[in-house]
Each structure stands twice: as C-alpha cells, then as structure tokens.
Amino acid sequence: MLTESDLLELKKEELPARAAALTAGEIAWLVDLLALKDDKIRYGAFLLLNERARSQADVFPFWDVFAAKLGSENSYQRSIGAMLLAVNARWDGGGKTAAALEPYLALLDDEKPITIRQSIQGLLLIVPYHPEIAKTISERLLALNLAGQRDTMRKLILLDIVDVLLLIRESASIDGIDSYLSGALSGDLLDTKTKKSILARMGSSSRG
C-alpha cells in the first residue's frame, strides 16, 4: 500500500512504475491528498495521478473534483486542476472538456504567471483530442494581453501561445493565427534562433 512516506521519497525515474501499479483505492486516496497544504505530499500525489492519466482512464472519473479546483482561491489548486483536466481530456467522450473550457480559459488571465503558463501548456494535451474546440481556444489565445507581464514572463508565455497555435495550425485553418505568428516573428521579444525555429515549424506545417 502506498504511503505518504513513499510520496515524500518519490523519484522521477520511479514515476512510470509507481503509477502503473496504483490500485483504485490508491487513486482515490491520492485525489484526496491533492487538497493537503503539505506541498511535498500534494506534489507527489499530483505527479502520480498525472502519470497514470497519460496511459489509463481510471483517474478520469474524478474529473469534477479537478474542475472544481479551477475556481479555488489557492493558485496551486487552480494549477493542479488545470493540469489534471488537460491530461485527462483524452478520455473524455461526453463533452466534459467543452463544458469546462470557459473556467479553464479564465486561468489565462490568472494573477500568477506560472498558472497562466501551465494552463496554456495544458492546451497542447487538449487540442489533439478535441479539435472541435480549437477555434475557441485559438481565439482566446489571440486575444490574450501580455502587456501586464514582466518582459521575461511575456517571452515565455508568448512561446507557450505560439506552441499551441502551431499545433492548431497543423490541422485547421483559423483566421488570425498566421497574423499572430507573423507579429511574434517581427517583434523584439524573441531571439533570432527562436524565430528561425518558429519559421521552420510554420513551413513544415504548411507543407504537411
């Protein structure tokens, strides 16, 4: 039986095996631990649930628990909710992802830059399984105002947005994406090497 001590001593290389061995009871227990204030135990629980959800659907039944965290006053809980919804979106065939989209996308205006980044990065896991909401996602990203972020965070958030838009662009033609990418390439936030990489990916996507 998994214990809190196991979570405190959890190593990255152990994650796949530990996650694969989880029982139904342990999964439910880990979900409960997500509400703890002890960051180390909570983080260990999150890592195992996140890893498990990448290959099996038995974390998905706790979707509503994760969705409720999006509105938490605690930024860690908001981030946990967003990341676990994103990784579980692959198992959703009943419209839960679409239903949670607005509160999820509300985190793009979060007070914590790290929560904004984690939410945008989570879209990379959502888009491939739910192309029907790609247009809504892209429109929200295109409208995101980065002016209030410090320069270093603006660059990182911009790169996160670019990654999602490039992914959407691979399978859908949506107005505004190319213009946004062109603006990112002509601006001064990104360095030359990064711009060349984006251009290469744009070209590859167009050829595909």
N, C-alpha and C. Protein backbone atom coordinates (compact mmCIF):
# COMPACT_ATOMS: atom_id res chain seq x y z
N MET A 1 0.84 -1.21 0.00
CA MET A 1 0.00 0.00 0.00
C MET A 1 0.87 1.26 0.00
N LEU A 2 0.59 2.14 -0.87
CA LEU A 2 1.31 3.39 -0.99
C LEU A 2 1.11 4.22 0.28
N THR A 3 2.16 4.88 0.74
CA THR A 3 2.09 5.70 1.94
C THR A 3 2.55 7.13 1.65
N GLU A 4 2.31 8.02 2.60
CA GLU A 4 2.77 9.39 2.45
C GLU A 4 4.29 9.44 2.41
N SER A 5 4.94 8.54 3.13
CA SER A 5 6.40 8.48 3.09
C SER A 5 6.90 8.16 1.69
N ASP A 6 6.17 7.28 0.99
CA ASP A 6 6.53 6.95 -0.38
C ASP A 6 6.48 8.19 -1.26
N LEU A 7 5.48 9.03 -1.03
CA LEU A 7 5.33 10.24 -1.83
C LEU A 7 6.47 11.22 -1.56
N LEU A 8 6.90 11.29 -0.32
CA LEU A 8 7.99 12.19 0.05
C LEU A 8 9.31 11.76 -0.56
N GLU A 9 9.46 10.46 -0.77
CA GLU A 9 10.71 9.93 -1.29
C GLU A 9 10.63 9.60 -2.79
N LEU A 10 9.54 9.97 -3.42
CA LEU A 10 9.30 9.62 -4.82
C LEU A 10 10.36 10.24 -5.73
N LYS A 11 10.93 9.41 -6.59
CA LYS A 11 11.93 9.88 -7.56
C LYS A 11 11.33 9.85 -8.97
N LYS A 12 11.80 10.76 -9.80
CA LYS A 12 11.26 10.91 -11.15
C LYS A 12 11.32 9.62 -11.93
N GLU A 13 12.42 8.91 -11.82
CA GLU A 13 12.57 7.67 -12.59
C GLU A 13 11.63 6.56 -12.11
N GLU A 14 11.07 6.72 -10.92
CA GLU A 14 10.14 5.73 -10.39
C GLU A 14 8.70 5.95 -10.81
N LEU A 15 8.42 7.13 -11.35
CA LEU A 15 7.04 7.51 -11.65
C LEU A 15 6.29 6.50 -12.52
N PRO A 16 6.83 6.10 -13.67
CA PRO A 16 6.07 5.18 -14.54
C PRO A 16 5.67 3.89 -13.84
N ALA A 17 6.60 3.27 -13.14
CA ALA A 17 6.31 2.00 -12.46
C ALA A 17 5.34 2.19 -11.30
N ARG A 18 5.56 3.24 -10.52
CA ARG A 18 4.67 3.52 -9.39
C ARG A 18 3.25 3.81 -9.86
N ALA A 19 3.15 4.61 -10.92
CA ALA A 19 1.83 4.96 -11.44
C ALA A 19 1.11 3.75 -12.02
N ALA A 20 1.85 2.90 -12.70
CA ALA A 20 1.26 1.71 -13.30
C ALA A 20 0.73 0.74 -12.26
N ALA A 21 1.33 0.78 -11.07
CA ALA A 21 0.95 -0.17 -10.02
C ALA A 21 -0.18 0.32 -9.12
N LEU A 22 -0.67 1.53 -9.34
CA LEU A 22 -1.71 2.08 -8.48
C LEU A 22 -2.99 1.26 -8.51
N THR A 23 -3.59 1.11 -7.33
CA THR A 23 -4.90 0.46 -7.24
C THR A 23 -5.99 1.52 -7.28
N ALA A 24 -7.24 1.10 -7.44
CA ALA A 24 -8.35 2.05 -7.45
C ALA A 24 -8.43 2.81 -6.13
N GLY A 25 -8.19 2.11 -5.04
CA GLY A 25 -8.22 2.77 -3.74
C GLY A 25 -7.12 3.79 -3.58
N GLU A 26 -5.95 3.50 -4.10
CA GLU A 26 -4.82 4.43 -4.01
C GLU A 26 -5.06 5.67 -4.86
N ILE A 27 -5.69 5.47 -6.01
CA ILE A 27 -6.01 6.62 -6.86
C ILE A 27 -6.96 7.58 -6.14
N ALA A 28 -8.00 7.05 -5.52
CA ALA A 28 -8.94 7.87 -4.77
C ALA A 28 -8.25 8.57 -3.60
N TRP A 29 -7.34 7.86 -2.95
CA TRP A 29 -6.58 8.43 -1.84
C TRP A 29 -5.69 9.57 -2.31
N LEU A 30 -5.04 9.39 -3.43
CA LEU A 30 -4.18 10.43 -3.99
C LEU A 30 -4.98 11.67 -4.36
N VAL A 31 -6.17 11.48 -4.90
CA VAL A 31 -7.03 12.62 -5.24
C VAL A 31 -7.36 13.41 -3.97
N ASP A 32 -7.63 12.73 -2.89
CA ASP A 32 -7.91 13.41 -1.61
C ASP A 32 -6.68 14.19 -1.14
N LEU A 33 -5.51 13.63 -1.34
CA LEU A 33 -4.28 14.28 -0.88
C LEU A 33 -4.00 15.59 -1.62
N LEU A 34 -4.59 15.76 -2.77
CA LEU A 34 -4.37 16.99 -3.53
C LEU A 34 -4.83 18.23 -2.77
N ALA A 35 -5.71 18.04 -1.81
CA ALA A 35 -6.24 19.17 -1.04
C ALA A 35 -5.37 19.53 0.16
N LEU A 36 -4.34 18.74 0.43
CA LEU A 36 -3.47 18.99 1.58
C LEU A 36 -2.67 20.28 1.40
N LYS A 37 -2.28 20.87 2.53
CA LYS A 37 -1.43 22.05 2.49
C LYS A 37 0.05 21.68 2.39
N ASP A 38 0.37 20.44 2.75
CA ASP A 38 1.75 19.96 2.67
C ASP A 38 2.14 19.82 1.20
N ASP A 39 2.98 20.73 0.72
CA ASP A 39 3.28 20.79 -0.71
C ASP A 39 3.98 19.55 -1.22
N LYS A 40 4.86 18.96 -0.41
CA LYS A 40 5.63 17.81 -0.88
C LYS A 40 4.73 16.59 -1.09
N ILE A 41 3.84 16.34 -0.14
CA ILE A 41 2.92 15.22 -0.29
C ILE A 41 1.94 15.48 -1.42
N ARG A 42 1.43 16.69 -1.46
CA ARG A 42 0.47 17.07 -2.51
C ARG A 42 1.10 16.94 -3.90
N TYR A 43 2.35 17.38 -4.02
CA TYR A 43 3.02 17.31 -5.32
C TYR A 43 3.28 15.87 -5.74
N GLY A 44 3.65 15.03 -4.79
CA GLY A 44 3.84 13.62 -5.11
C GLY A 44 2.56 12.98 -5.59
N ALA A 45 1.45 13.32 -4.94
CA ALA A 45 0.15 12.80 -5.36
C ALA A 45 -0.18 13.26 -6.77
N PHE A 46 0.07 14.54 -7.03
CA PHE A 46 -0.18 15.08 -8.37
C PHE A 46 0.65 14.37 -9.43
N LEU A 47 1.93 14.17 -9.16
CA LEU A 47 2.80 13.53 -10.14
C LEU A 47 2.32 12.14 -10.51
N LEU A 48 1.91 11.36 -9.51
CA LEU A 48 1.45 10.01 -9.78
C LEU A 48 0.14 10.01 -10.56
N LEU A 49 -0.78 10.88 -10.19
CA LEU A 49 -2.06 10.95 -10.90
C LEU A 49 -1.86 11.43 -12.34
N ASN A 50 -0.99 12.39 -12.51
CA ASN A 50 -0.70 12.91 -13.84
C ASN A 50 -0.09 11.83 -14.73
N GLU A 51 0.85 11.08 -14.17
CA GLU A 51 1.49 10.00 -14.91
C GLU A 51 0.50 8.89 -15.26
N ARG A 52 -0.32 8.51 -14.30
CA ARG A 52 -1.31 7.46 -14.53
C ARG A 52 -2.29 7.84 -15.63
N ALA A 53 -2.73 9.09 -15.62
CA ALA A 53 -3.74 9.54 -16.58
C ALA A 53 -3.24 9.55 -18.02
N ARG A 54 -1.93 9.53 -18.20
CA ARG A 54 -1.39 9.54 -19.55
C ARG A 54 -1.60 8.20 -20.27
N SER A 55 -1.83 7.15 -19.49
CA SER A 55 -1.95 5.83 -20.12
C SER A 55 -3.22 5.08 -19.76
N GLN A 56 -3.90 5.50 -18.69
CA GLN A 56 -5.10 4.78 -18.27
C GLN A 56 -6.21 5.77 -17.90
N ALA A 57 -7.44 5.32 -18.03
CA ALA A 57 -8.60 6.22 -17.87
C ALA A 57 -9.18 6.22 -16.47
N ASP A 58 -8.53 5.57 -15.50
CA ASP A 58 -9.16 5.44 -14.20
C ASP A 58 -8.96 6.64 -13.27
N VAL A 59 -8.30 7.69 -13.74
CA VAL A 59 -8.26 8.95 -13.00
C VAL A 59 -9.38 9.87 -13.50
N PHE A 60 -9.83 9.63 -14.71
CA PHE A 60 -10.86 10.47 -15.33
C PHE A 60 -12.15 10.58 -14.51
N PRO A 61 -12.60 9.53 -13.81
CA PRO A 61 -13.84 9.66 -13.02
C PRO A 61 -13.81 10.78 -11.98
N PHE A 62 -12.62 11.28 -11.66
CA PHE A 62 -12.50 12.37 -10.69
C PHE A 62 -12.48 13.74 -11.37
N TRP A 63 -12.89 13.77 -12.61
CA TRP A 63 -12.89 15.00 -13.42
C TRP A 63 -13.53 16.17 -12.68
N ASP A 64 -14.70 15.94 -12.10
CA ASP A 64 -15.43 17.04 -11.45
C ASP A 64 -14.66 17.60 -10.26
N VAL A 65 -13.89 16.76 -9.58
CA VAL A 65 -13.04 17.24 -8.49
C VAL A 65 -11.99 18.20 -9.02
N PHE A 66 -11.38 17.82 -10.14
CA PHE A 66 -10.35 18.67 -10.74
C PHE A 66 -10.97 19.96 -11.28
N ALA A 67 -12.13 19.85 -11.90
CA ALA A 67 -12.79 21.03 -12.47
C ALA A 67 -13.14 22.04 -11.38
N ALA A 68 -13.53 21.55 -10.21
CA ALA A 68 -13.89 22.45 -9.11
C ALA A 68 -12.69 23.26 -8.64
N LYS A 69 -11.49 22.72 -8.82
CA LYS A 69 -10.28 23.41 -8.38
C LYS A 69 -9.98 24.64 -9.22
N LEU A 70 -10.53 24.74 -10.41
CA LEU A 70 -10.26 25.88 -11.28
C LEU A 70 -10.68 27.19 -10.63
N GLY A 71 -11.69 27.12 -9.77
CA GLY A 71 -12.17 28.33 -9.12
C GLY A 71 -11.64 28.53 -7.71
N SER A 72 -10.63 27.76 -7.34
CA SER A 72 -10.08 27.86 -5.98
C SER A 72 -9.40 29.20 -5.75
N GLU A 73 -9.39 29.65 -4.50
CA GLU A 73 -8.66 30.86 -4.14
C GLU A 73 -7.16 30.60 -4.07
N ASN A 74 -6.78 29.33 -4.04
CA ASN A 74 -5.37 28.94 -3.94
C ASN A 74 -4.81 28.68 -5.34
N SER A 75 -3.74 29.38 -5.69
CA SER A 75 -3.20 29.26 -7.04
C SER A 75 -2.67 27.86 -7.33
N TYR A 76 -2.12 27.18 -6.31
CA TYR A 76 -1.63 25.82 -6.51
C TYR A 76 -2.79 24.89 -6.89
N GLN A 77 -3.93 25.08 -6.23
CA GLN A 77 -5.10 24.26 -6.54
C GLN A 77 -5.61 24.54 -7.94
N ARG A 78 -5.58 25.81 -8.35
CA ARG A 78 -6.01 26.15 -9.71
C ARG A 78 -5.11 25.47 -10.73
N SER A 79 -3.81 25.52 -10.48
CA SER A 79 -2.85 24.89 -11.40
C SER A 79 -3.04 23.38 -11.45
N ILE A 80 -3.20 22.76 -10.28
CA ILE A 80 -3.42 21.32 -10.22
C ILE A 80 -4.67 20.94 -11.01
N GLY A 81 -5.73 21.69 -10.80
CA GLY A 81 -6.98 21.41 -11.52
C GLY A 81 -6.80 21.49 -13.02
N ALA A 82 -6.14 22.56 -13.48
CA ALA A 82 -5.94 22.74 -14.92
C ALA A 82 -5.11 21.62 -15.51
N MET A 83 -4.02 21.27 -14.85
CA MET A 83 -3.11 20.26 -15.40
C MET A 83 -3.75 18.87 -15.42
N LEU A 84 -4.53 18.55 -14.40
CA LEU A 84 -5.15 17.24 -14.37
C LEU A 84 -6.35 17.16 -15.32
N LEU A 85 -7.03 18.26 -15.54
CA LEU A 85 -8.07 18.27 -16.57
C LEU A 85 -7.44 18.06 -17.95
N ALA A 86 -6.34 18.76 -18.19
CA ALA A 86 -5.69 18.67 -19.50
C ALA A 86 -5.24 17.25 -19.82
N VAL A 87 -4.60 16.59 -18.86
CA VAL A 87 -4.07 15.25 -19.13
C VAL A 87 -5.19 14.22 -19.22
N ASN A 88 -6.33 14.50 -18.61
CA ASN A 88 -7.46 13.57 -18.67
C ASN A 88 -8.42 13.85 -19.82
N ALA A 89 -8.20 14.93 -20.54
CA ALA A 89 -9.10 15.28 -21.64
C ALA A 89 -9.15 14.20 -22.71
N ARG A 90 -8.08 13.43 -22.83
CA ARG A 90 -8.02 12.37 -23.84
C ARG A 90 -9.07 11.28 -23.60
N TRP A 91 -9.54 11.16 -22.37
CA TRP A 91 -10.51 10.11 -22.04
C TRP A 91 -11.94 10.61 -22.10
N ASP A 92 -12.12 11.87 -22.42
CA ASP A 92 -13.46 12.46 -22.42
C ASP A 92 -14.17 12.28 -23.76
N GLY A 93 -15.25 11.53 -23.73
CA GLY A 93 -16.06 11.39 -24.93
C GLY A 93 -17.46 11.91 -24.73
N GLY A 94 -17.68 12.63 -23.63
CA GLY A 94 -19.03 13.06 -23.30
C GLY A 94 -19.21 14.56 -23.15
N GLY A 95 -18.28 15.35 -23.63
CA GLY A 95 -18.46 16.80 -23.62
C GLY A 95 -18.00 17.52 -22.37
N LYS A 96 -17.34 16.80 -21.46
CA LYS A 96 -16.89 17.45 -20.23
C LYS A 96 -15.81 18.50 -20.49
N THR A 97 -14.95 18.26 -21.47
CA THR A 97 -13.89 19.22 -21.77
C THR A 97 -14.49 20.52 -22.29
N ALA A 98 -15.43 20.42 -23.19
CA ALA A 98 -16.09 21.61 -23.71
C ALA A 98 -16.81 22.37 -22.61
N ALA A 99 -17.43 21.62 -21.69
CA ALA A 99 -18.17 22.25 -20.60
C ALA A 99 -17.26 22.99 -19.64
N ALA A 100 -16.03 22.49 -19.49
CA ALA A 100 -15.08 23.11 -18.56
C ALA A 100 -14.20 24.16 -19.24
N LEU A 101 -14.40 24.37 -20.53
CA LEU A 101 -13.48 25.22 -21.29
C LEU A 101 -13.45 26.66 -20.79
N GLU A 102 -14.60 27.25 -20.51
CA GLU A 102 -14.61 28.65 -20.09
C GLU A 102 -13.89 28.88 -18.77
N PRO A 103 -14.20 28.11 -17.72
CA PRO A 103 -13.43 28.31 -16.49
C PRO A 103 -11.95 27.96 -16.65
N TYR A 104 -11.65 27.01 -17.53
CA TYR A 104 -10.25 26.67 -17.79
C TYR A 104 -9.56 27.87 -18.46
N LEU A 105 -10.16 28.42 -19.49
CA LEU A 105 -9.54 29.52 -20.21
C LEU A 105 -9.50 30.80 -19.38
N ALA A 106 -10.34 30.88 -18.36
CA ALA A 106 -10.29 32.04 -17.46
C ALA A 106 -8.95 32.13 -16.75
N LEU A 107 -8.26 30.99 -16.62
CA LEU A 107 -6.95 30.98 -15.97
C LEU A 107 -5.88 31.67 -16.82
N LEU A 108 -6.18 31.94 -18.07
CA LEU A 108 -5.22 32.66 -18.91
C LEU A 108 -5.06 34.10 -18.44
N ASP A 109 -5.98 34.55 -17.59
CA ASP A 109 -5.88 35.88 -17.00
C ASP A 109 -5.55 35.80 -15.51
N ASP A 110 -5.00 34.68 -15.09
CA ASP A 110 -4.71 34.47 -13.68
C ASP A 110 -3.68 35.46 -13.16
N GLU A 111 -3.73 35.70 -11.86
CA GLU A 111 -2.77 36.62 -11.25
C GLU A 111 -1.36 36.03 -11.17
N LYS A 112 -1.27 34.70 -11.27
CA LYS A 112 0.02 34.04 -11.19
C LYS A 112 0.51 33.63 -12.59
N PRO A 113 1.63 34.19 -13.05
CA PRO A 113 2.14 33.84 -14.38
C PRO A 113 2.36 32.35 -14.57
N ILE A 114 2.79 31.65 -13.51
CA ILE A 114 3.05 30.22 -13.66
C ILE A 114 1.75 29.47 -13.93
N THR A 115 0.64 29.92 -13.34
CA THR A 115 -0.66 29.29 -13.60
C THR A 115 -1.09 29.55 -15.04
N ILE A 116 -0.82 30.75 -15.52
CA ILE A 116 -1.12 31.07 -16.92
C ILE A 116 -0.35 30.13 -17.84
N ARG A 117 0.93 29.97 -17.56
CA ARG A 117 1.78 29.12 -18.40
C ARG A 117 1.31 27.66 -18.37
N GLN A 118 1.04 27.16 -17.19
CA GLN A 118 0.62 25.77 -17.05
C GLN A 118 -0.71 25.53 -17.77
N SER A 119 -1.59 26.51 -17.73
CA SER A 119 -2.87 26.37 -18.41
C SER A 119 -2.71 26.35 -19.93
N ILE A 120 -1.86 27.23 -20.43
CA ILE A 120 -1.61 27.26 -21.88
C ILE A 120 -0.93 25.96 -22.32
N GLN A 121 0.06 25.52 -21.56
CA GLN A 121 0.76 24.29 -21.90
C GLN A 121 -0.18 23.09 -21.89
N GLY A 122 -1.16 23.12 -21.00
CA GLY A 122 -2.14 22.05 -20.95
C GLY A 122 -2.97 21.94 -22.21
N LEU A 123 -3.13 23.06 -22.92
CA LEU A 123 -3.90 23.04 -24.17
C LEU A 123 -3.25 22.14 -25.21
N LEU A 124 -1.94 21.93 -25.10
CA LEU A 124 -1.25 21.03 -26.02
C LEU A 124 -1.74 19.59 -25.87
N LEU A 125 -2.25 19.27 -24.68
CA LEU A 125 -2.80 17.93 -24.43
C LEU A 125 -4.27 17.85 -24.80
N ILE A 126 -4.94 18.98 -24.81
CA ILE A 126 -6.38 19.01 -25.08
C ILE A 126 -6.70 19.05 -26.57
N VAL A 127 -6.01 19.91 -27.29
CA VAL A 127 -6.33 20.15 -28.71
C VAL A 127 -6.35 18.88 -29.57
N PRO A 128 -5.36 17.98 -29.44
CA PRO A 128 -5.37 16.79 -30.32
C PRO A 128 -6.61 15.91 -30.16
N TYR A 129 -7.21 15.92 -28.98
CA TYR A 129 -8.35 15.05 -28.71
C TYR A 129 -9.69 15.77 -28.86
N HIS A 130 -9.64 17.10 -28.95
CA HIS A 130 -10.88 17.87 -29.05
C HIS A 130 -10.75 18.99 -30.08
N PRO A 131 -10.55 18.63 -31.34
CA PRO A 131 -10.37 19.65 -32.37
C PRO A 131 -11.59 20.56 -32.53
N GLU A 132 -12.74 20.09 -32.04
CA GLU A 132 -13.96 20.89 -32.18
C GLU A 132 -13.92 22.17 -31.35
N ILE A 133 -13.04 22.25 -30.38
CA ILE A 133 -12.95 23.47 -29.57
C ILE A 133 -11.66 24.25 -29.88
N ALA A 134 -10.96 23.84 -30.92
CA ALA A 134 -9.70 24.51 -31.28
C ALA A 134 -9.92 25.97 -31.66
N LYS A 135 -11.03 26.25 -32.32
CA LYS A 135 -11.30 27.63 -32.75
C LYS A 135 -11.49 28.54 -31.53
N THR A 136 -12.26 28.06 -30.56
CA THR A 136 -12.48 28.85 -29.34
C THR A 136 -11.17 29.06 -28.60
N ILE A 137 -10.37 28.02 -28.53
CA ILE A 137 -9.08 28.13 -27.86
C ILE A 137 -8.17 29.13 -28.56
N SER A 138 -8.10 29.05 -29.88
CA SER A 138 -7.21 29.95 -30.63
C SER A 138 -7.67 31.40 -30.49
N GLU A 139 -8.97 31.63 -30.54
CA GLU A 139 -9.48 33.00 -30.40
C GLU A 139 -9.13 33.58 -29.04
N ARG A 140 -9.20 32.75 -28.03
CA ARG A 140 -8.87 33.22 -26.67
C ARG A 140 -7.38 33.52 -26.54
N LEU A 141 -6.56 32.69 -27.14
CA LEU A 141 -5.11 32.92 -27.10
C LEU A 141 -4.74 34.17 -27.89
N LEU A 142 -5.36 34.35 -29.03
CA LEU A 142 -5.05 35.51 -29.86
C LEU A 142 -5.42 36.82 -29.17
N ALA A 143 -6.41 36.76 -28.29
CA ALA A 143 -6.87 37.97 -27.60
C ALA A 143 -6.16 38.22 -26.28
N LEU A 144 -5.29 37.30 -25.88
CA LEU A 144 -4.63 37.43 -24.58
C LEU A 144 -3.67 38.61 -24.56
N ASN A 145 -3.83 39.46 -23.59
CA ASN A 145 -3.00 40.66 -23.47
C ASN A 145 -1.82 40.38 -22.53
N LEU A 146 -0.63 40.44 -23.07
CA LEU A 146 0.57 40.15 -22.29
C LEU A 146 1.23 41.40 -21.71
N ALA A 147 0.62 42.54 -21.95
CA ALA A 147 1.26 43.81 -21.57
C ALA A 147 1.51 43.91 -20.07
N GLY A 148 0.69 43.27 -19.27
CA GLY A 148 0.84 43.39 -17.83
C GLY A 148 1.92 42.50 -17.24
N GLN A 149 2.50 41.63 -18.04
CA GLN A 149 3.54 40.72 -17.56
C GLN A 149 4.93 41.35 -17.73
N ARG A 150 5.84 41.02 -16.81
CA ARG A 150 7.21 41.50 -16.98
C ARG A 150 7.82 40.83 -18.22
N ASP A 151 8.84 41.45 -18.78
CA ASP A 151 9.37 41.04 -20.08
C ASP A 151 9.75 39.56 -20.13
N THR A 152 10.43 39.07 -19.08
CA THR A 152 10.86 37.67 -19.11
C THR A 152 9.67 36.72 -19.18
N MET A 153 8.62 37.03 -18.44
CA MET A 153 7.42 36.18 -18.46
C MET A 153 6.65 36.36 -19.76
N ARG A 154 6.67 37.57 -20.31
CA ARG A 154 5.98 37.81 -21.58
C ARG A 154 6.56 36.91 -22.66
N LYS A 155 7.87 36.78 -22.68
CA LYS A 155 8.51 35.93 -23.69
C LYS A 155 8.10 34.48 -23.51
N LEU A 156 8.13 33.99 -22.28
CA LEU A 156 7.80 32.59 -22.03
C LEU A 156 6.34 32.29 -22.34
N ILE A 157 5.47 33.20 -21.94
CA ILE A 157 4.04 33.00 -22.23
C ILE A 157 3.79 33.07 -23.73
N LEU A 158 4.46 34.00 -24.41
CA LEU A 158 4.33 34.10 -25.87
C LEU A 158 4.74 32.80 -26.54
N LEU A 159 5.84 32.22 -26.09
CA LEU A 159 6.31 30.95 -26.67
C LEU A 159 5.29 29.82 -26.41
N ASP A 160 4.69 29.83 -25.23
CA ASP A 160 3.64 28.83 -24.95
C ASP A 160 2.48 28.99 -25.92
N ILE A 161 2.06 30.23 -26.13
CA ILE A 161 0.96 30.50 -27.05
C ILE A 161 1.32 30.05 -28.46
N VAL A 162 2.52 30.39 -28.89
CA VAL A 162 2.98 30.02 -30.24
C VAL A 162 2.94 28.50 -30.41
N ASP A 163 3.37 27.77 -29.40
CA ASP A 163 3.35 26.30 -29.48
C ASP A 163 1.93 25.78 -29.72
N VAL A 164 0.97 26.33 -29.01
CA VAL A 164 -0.42 25.86 -29.17
C VAL A 164 -0.97 26.27 -30.53
N LEU A 165 -0.70 27.49 -30.94
CA LEU A 165 -1.20 27.95 -32.25
C LEU A 165 -0.59 27.14 -33.39
N LEU A 166 0.68 26.80 -33.28
CA LEU A 166 1.31 25.97 -34.31
C LEU A 166 0.68 24.58 -34.36
N LEU A 167 0.34 24.05 -33.20
CA LEU A 167 -0.32 22.75 -33.16
C LEU A 167 -1.69 22.81 -33.81
N ILE A 168 -2.46 23.84 -33.49
CA ILE A 168 -3.79 24.01 -34.09
C ILE A 168 -3.66 24.19 -35.60
N ARG A 169 -2.65 24.95 -36.00
CA ARG A 169 -2.43 25.26 -37.41
C ARG A 169 -2.15 24.02 -38.26
N GLU A 170 -1.65 22.96 -37.62
CA GLU A 170 -1.33 21.74 -38.34
C GLU A 170 -2.58 21.07 -38.94
N SER A 171 -3.73 21.27 -38.31
CA SER A 171 -4.93 20.56 -38.76
C SER A 171 -6.11 21.47 -39.04
N ALA A 172 -5.96 22.76 -38.81
CA ALA A 172 -7.09 23.67 -39.03
C ALA A 172 -6.60 25.01 -39.55
N SER A 173 -7.41 25.62 -40.39
CA SER A 173 -7.11 26.96 -40.90
C SER A 173 -8.02 27.95 -40.17
N ILE A 174 -7.45 28.71 -39.27
CA ILE A 174 -8.24 29.61 -38.44
C ILE A 174 -7.71 31.03 -38.62
N ASP A 175 -8.62 31.95 -38.92
CA ASP A 175 -8.25 33.34 -39.14
C ASP A 175 -7.52 33.90 -37.92
N GLY A 176 -6.46 34.61 -38.19
CA GLY A 176 -5.74 35.31 -37.15
C GLY A 176 -4.48 34.62 -36.68
N ILE A 177 -4.38 33.31 -36.87
CA ILE A 177 -3.21 32.59 -36.36
C ILE A 177 -1.94 33.03 -37.09
N ASP A 178 -1.98 33.03 -38.41
CA ASP A 178 -0.78 33.40 -39.16
C ASP A 178 -0.36 34.84 -38.88
N SER A 179 -1.34 35.72 -38.75
CA SER A 179 -1.03 37.11 -38.45
C SER A 179 -0.37 37.24 -37.07
N TYR A 180 -0.87 36.47 -36.12
CA TYR A 180 -0.29 36.50 -34.77
C TYR A 180 1.15 35.99 -34.80
N LEU A 181 1.36 34.90 -35.51
CA LEU A 181 2.70 34.34 -35.61
C LEU A 181 3.65 35.31 -36.30
N SER A 182 3.16 35.97 -37.33
CA SER A 182 3.98 36.97 -38.03
C SER A 182 4.35 38.11 -37.09
N GLY A 183 3.40 38.51 -36.26
CA GLY A 183 3.66 39.57 -35.29
C GLY A 183 4.71 39.16 -34.28
N ALA A 184 4.65 37.91 -33.84
CA ALA A 184 5.65 37.41 -32.90
C ALA A 184 7.03 37.39 -33.54
N LEU A 185 7.08 37.06 -34.82
CA LEU A 185 8.35 36.98 -35.53
C LEU A 185 8.94 38.36 -35.82
N SER A 186 8.09 39.35 -35.95
CA SER A 186 8.58 40.70 -36.26
C SER A 186 8.82 41.52 -35.00
N GLY A 187 8.37 41.03 -33.86
CA GLY A 187 8.56 41.74 -32.61
C GLY A 187 9.95 41.55 -32.05
N ASP A 188 10.19 42.16 -30.87
CA ASP A 188 11.53 42.11 -30.30
C ASP A 188 11.63 41.23 -29.05
N LEU A 189 10.58 40.49 -28.74
CA LEU A 189 10.63 39.62 -27.56
C LEU A 189 11.45 38.35 -27.80
N LEU A 190 11.38 37.84 -29.02
CA LEU A 190 12.01 36.56 -29.32
C LEU A 190 13.39 36.76 -29.95
N ASP A 191 14.30 35.86 -29.62
CA ASP A 191 15.63 35.94 -30.20
C ASP A 191 15.66 35.32 -31.60
N THR A 192 16.73 35.54 -32.30
CA THR A 192 16.84 35.11 -33.70
C THR A 192 16.72 33.59 -33.83
N LYS A 193 17.36 32.86 -32.97
CA LYS A 193 17.31 31.40 -33.04
C LYS A 193 15.88 30.88 -32.87
N THR A 194 15.16 31.46 -31.93
CA THR A 194 13.77 31.04 -31.69
C THR A 194 12.90 31.38 -32.89
N LYS A 195 13.11 32.54 -33.47
CA LYS A 195 12.33 32.93 -34.64
C LYS A 195 12.58 31.99 -35.81
N LYS A 196 13.81 31.58 -36.00
CA LYS A 196 14.12 30.65 -37.09
C LYS A 196 13.42 29.30 -36.85
N SER A 197 13.39 28.88 -35.61
CA SER A 197 12.72 27.62 -35.28
C SER A 197 11.23 27.70 -35.58
N ILE A 198 10.62 28.82 -35.22
CA ILE A 198 9.18 29.00 -35.49
C ILE A 198 8.92 29.03 -36.99
N LEU A 199 9.75 29.72 -37.71
CA LEU A 199 9.59 29.78 -39.17
C LEU A 199 9.68 28.38 -39.79
N ALA A 200 10.62 27.59 -39.30
CA ALA A 200 10.79 26.22 -39.80
C ALA A 200 9.55 25.39 -39.52
N ARG A 201 9.00 25.55 -38.33
CA ARG A 201 7.80 24.79 -37.98
C ARG A 201 6.59 25.26 -38.77
N MET A 202 6.52 26.54 -39.06
CA MET A 202 5.43 27.06 -39.89
C MET A 202 5.51 26.48 -41.29
N GLY A 203 6.73 26.42 -41.82
CA GLY A 203 6.92 25.88 -43.16
C GLY A 203 6.59 24.40 -43.22
N SER A 204 7.01 23.67 -42.21
CA SER A 204 6.72 22.23 -42.15
C SER A 204 5.24 21.97 -42.05
N SER A 205 4.56 22.80 -41.27
CA SER A 205 3.11 22.64 -41.10
C SER A 205 2.39 22.92 -42.40
N SER A 206 2.85 23.96 -43.12
CA SER A 206 2.22 24.32 -44.40
C SER A 206 2.39 23.22 -45.42
N ARG A 207 3.59 22.60 -45.43
CA ARG A 207 3.83 21.53 -46.39
C ARG A 207 3.01 20.29 -46.05
N GLY A 208 2.80 20.10 -44.70
CA GLY A 208 2.05 18.93 -44.28
C GLY A 208 0.59 19.04 -44.65
